[in-house]
Amino acid sequence: MAFSVSDVIPFSQARANLSTLAEQVKAGAEKIVTKNGESYFAIIDAQRLDYYHQLERERIHLLLIDDAGKGLDDAASGRVKDARTALQAIKRRRLSDTIARIRRFAAASA
């Protein structure tokens, strides 16, 4: 949805005209409220917000299904690793990274 200049409102104006803004939003408008010249928050209809949340959940489900399909393809192609071995490698790598950060911090502090 494209925004027009009339959809961007300073905080002080929004506070003074909240009832009018609520009616405009209920009629389908979306408003961006600014504070100190920066976007601060948006005012949208509650049903539209629910719809946006539903779209986000559906997108997450599609991503999970896509990842599951990739995992099945990997398994069918023999591109698999033992879970315990993979987890141990991740833990070793994280420990190594943590030790390196501590050494860099110690050297910088000396």
Protein backbone atom coordinates (compact mmCIF):
# COMPACT_ATOMS: atom_id res chain seq x y z
CA MET A 1 0.00 0.00 0.00
CA ALA A 2 1.39 3.38 -0.97
CA PHE A 3 1.37 6.18 1.57
CA SER A 4 0.57 9.78 0.80
CA VAL A 5 1.77 12.84 2.66
CA SER A 6 -1.58 13.00 4.47
CA ASP A 7 -0.91 9.52 5.93
CA VAL A 8 2.19 10.77 7.80
CA ILE A 9 1.24 12.70 10.93
CA PRO A 10 3.30 14.28 13.71
CA PHE A 11 2.73 12.79 17.16
CA SER A 12 1.29 16.02 18.59
CA GLN A 13 -1.26 16.22 15.77
CA ALA A 14 -2.18 12.54 16.19
CA ARG A 15 -2.76 13.03 19.90
CA ALA A 16 -5.00 16.02 19.25
CA ASN A 17 -7.00 14.29 16.50
CA LEU A 18 -7.15 10.69 17.66
CA SER A 19 -10.91 10.28 17.11
CA THR A 20 -10.66 11.56 13.53
CA LEU A 21 -7.66 9.32 12.84
CA ALA A 22 -9.51 6.32 14.27
CA GLU A 23 -12.41 6.93 11.90
CA GLN A 24 -10.06 7.26 8.91
CA VAL A 25 -8.25 4.06 9.87
CA LYS A 26 -11.52 2.19 10.33
CA ALA A 27 -12.44 3.36 6.81
CA GLY A 28 -9.30 1.72 5.43
CA ALA A 29 -6.49 4.26 5.81
CA GLU A 30 -3.17 3.48 7.47
CA LYS A 31 -1.36 6.26 9.29
CA ILE A 32 2.31 6.68 10.18
CA VAL A 33 2.87 8.78 13.29
CA THR A 34 6.20 10.57 13.57
CA LYS A 35 8.13 11.88 16.54
CA ASN A 36 11.01 14.28 16.06
CA GLY A 37 10.74 13.76 12.31
CA GLU A 38 11.22 9.97 12.50
CA SER A 39 8.55 7.29 12.07
CA TYR A 40 7.39 6.29 15.55
CA PHE A 41 4.40 3.97 15.14
CA ALA A 42 1.59 3.09 12.75
CA ILE A 43 -2.15 3.13 13.23
CA ILE A 44 -4.00 0.40 11.34
CA ASP A 45 -7.36 -1.30 11.62
CA ALA A 46 -7.40 -4.26 14.04
CA GLN A 47 -8.82 -6.61 11.40
CA ARG A 48 -6.04 -5.63 9.00
CA LEU A 49 -3.47 -6.27 11.74
CA ASP A 50 -4.97 -9.74 12.28
CA TYR A 51 -4.74 -10.31 8.52
CA TYR A 52 -1.07 -9.24 8.50
CA HIS A 53 -0.35 -11.66 11.36
CA GLN A 54 -2.12 -14.45 9.49
CA LEU A 55 0.00 -13.75 6.40
CA GLU A 56 3.14 -13.87 8.51
CA ARG A 57 2.14 -17.24 10.02
CA GLU A 58 1.39 -18.63 6.55
CA ARG A 59 4.76 -17.43 5.29
CA ILE A 60 6.51 -19.14 8.22
CA HIS A 61 4.61 -22.37 7.48
CA LEU A 62 5.62 -22.21 3.81
CA LEU A 63 9.26 -21.70 4.79
CA LEU A 64 9.09 -24.68 7.15
CA ILE A 65 7.54 -26.85 4.44
CA ASP A 66 10.27 -25.73 2.01
CA ASP A 67 12.99 -26.55 4.57
CA ALA A 68 11.42 -29.95 5.25
CA GLY A 69 11.41 -30.67 1.50
CA LYS A 70 15.10 -29.71 1.26
CA GLY A 71 15.83 -31.99 4.20
CA LEU A 72 14.02 -34.89 2.53
CA ASP A 73 15.93 -34.23 -0.70
CA ASP A 74 19.21 -34.25 1.25
CA ALA A 75 18.29 -37.52 2.95
CA ALA A 76 17.29 -39.11 -0.36
CA SER A 77 20.62 -38.00 -1.89
CA GLY A 78 22.63 -39.34 1.03
CA ARG A 79 23.69 -35.87 2.21
CA VAL A 80 23.23 -36.66 5.89
CA LYS A 81 25.32 -36.40 9.05
CA ASP A 82 25.02 -38.06 12.40
CA ALA A 83 23.17 -35.61 14.68
CA ARG A 84 25.46 -36.16 17.67
CA THR A 85 28.58 -35.58 15.59
CA ALA A 86 27.11 -32.44 14.01
CA LEU A 87 26.08 -31.03 17.41
CA GLN A 88 29.53 -31.74 18.87
CA ALA A 89 31.14 -29.90 15.94
CA ILE A 90 28.87 -26.90 16.49
CA LYS A 91 29.69 -26.84 20.22
CA ARG A 92 33.44 -27.06 19.49
CA ARG A 93 33.18 -24.22 16.96
CA ARG A 94 31.24 -22.01 19.41
CA LEU A 95 33.73 -22.72 22.19
CA SER A 96 36.61 -21.89 19.87
CA ASP A 97 34.91 -18.63 18.82
CA THR A 98 34.27 -17.71 22.47
CA ILE A 99 37.90 -18.36 23.41
CA ALA A 100 39.09 -16.24 20.47
CA ARG A 101 36.81 -13.35 21.56
CA ILE A 102 38.09 -13.58 25.14
CA ARG A 103 41.70 -13.52 23.92
CA ARG A 104 41.02 -10.49 21.68
CA PHE A 105 39.33 -8.69 24.58
CA ALA A 106 42.20 -9.52 26.93
CA ALA A 107 44.77 -8.31 24.38
CA ALA A 108 42.85 -5.07 23.80
CA SER A 109 42.56 -4.46 27.54
CA ALA A 110 46.27 -5.00 28.22
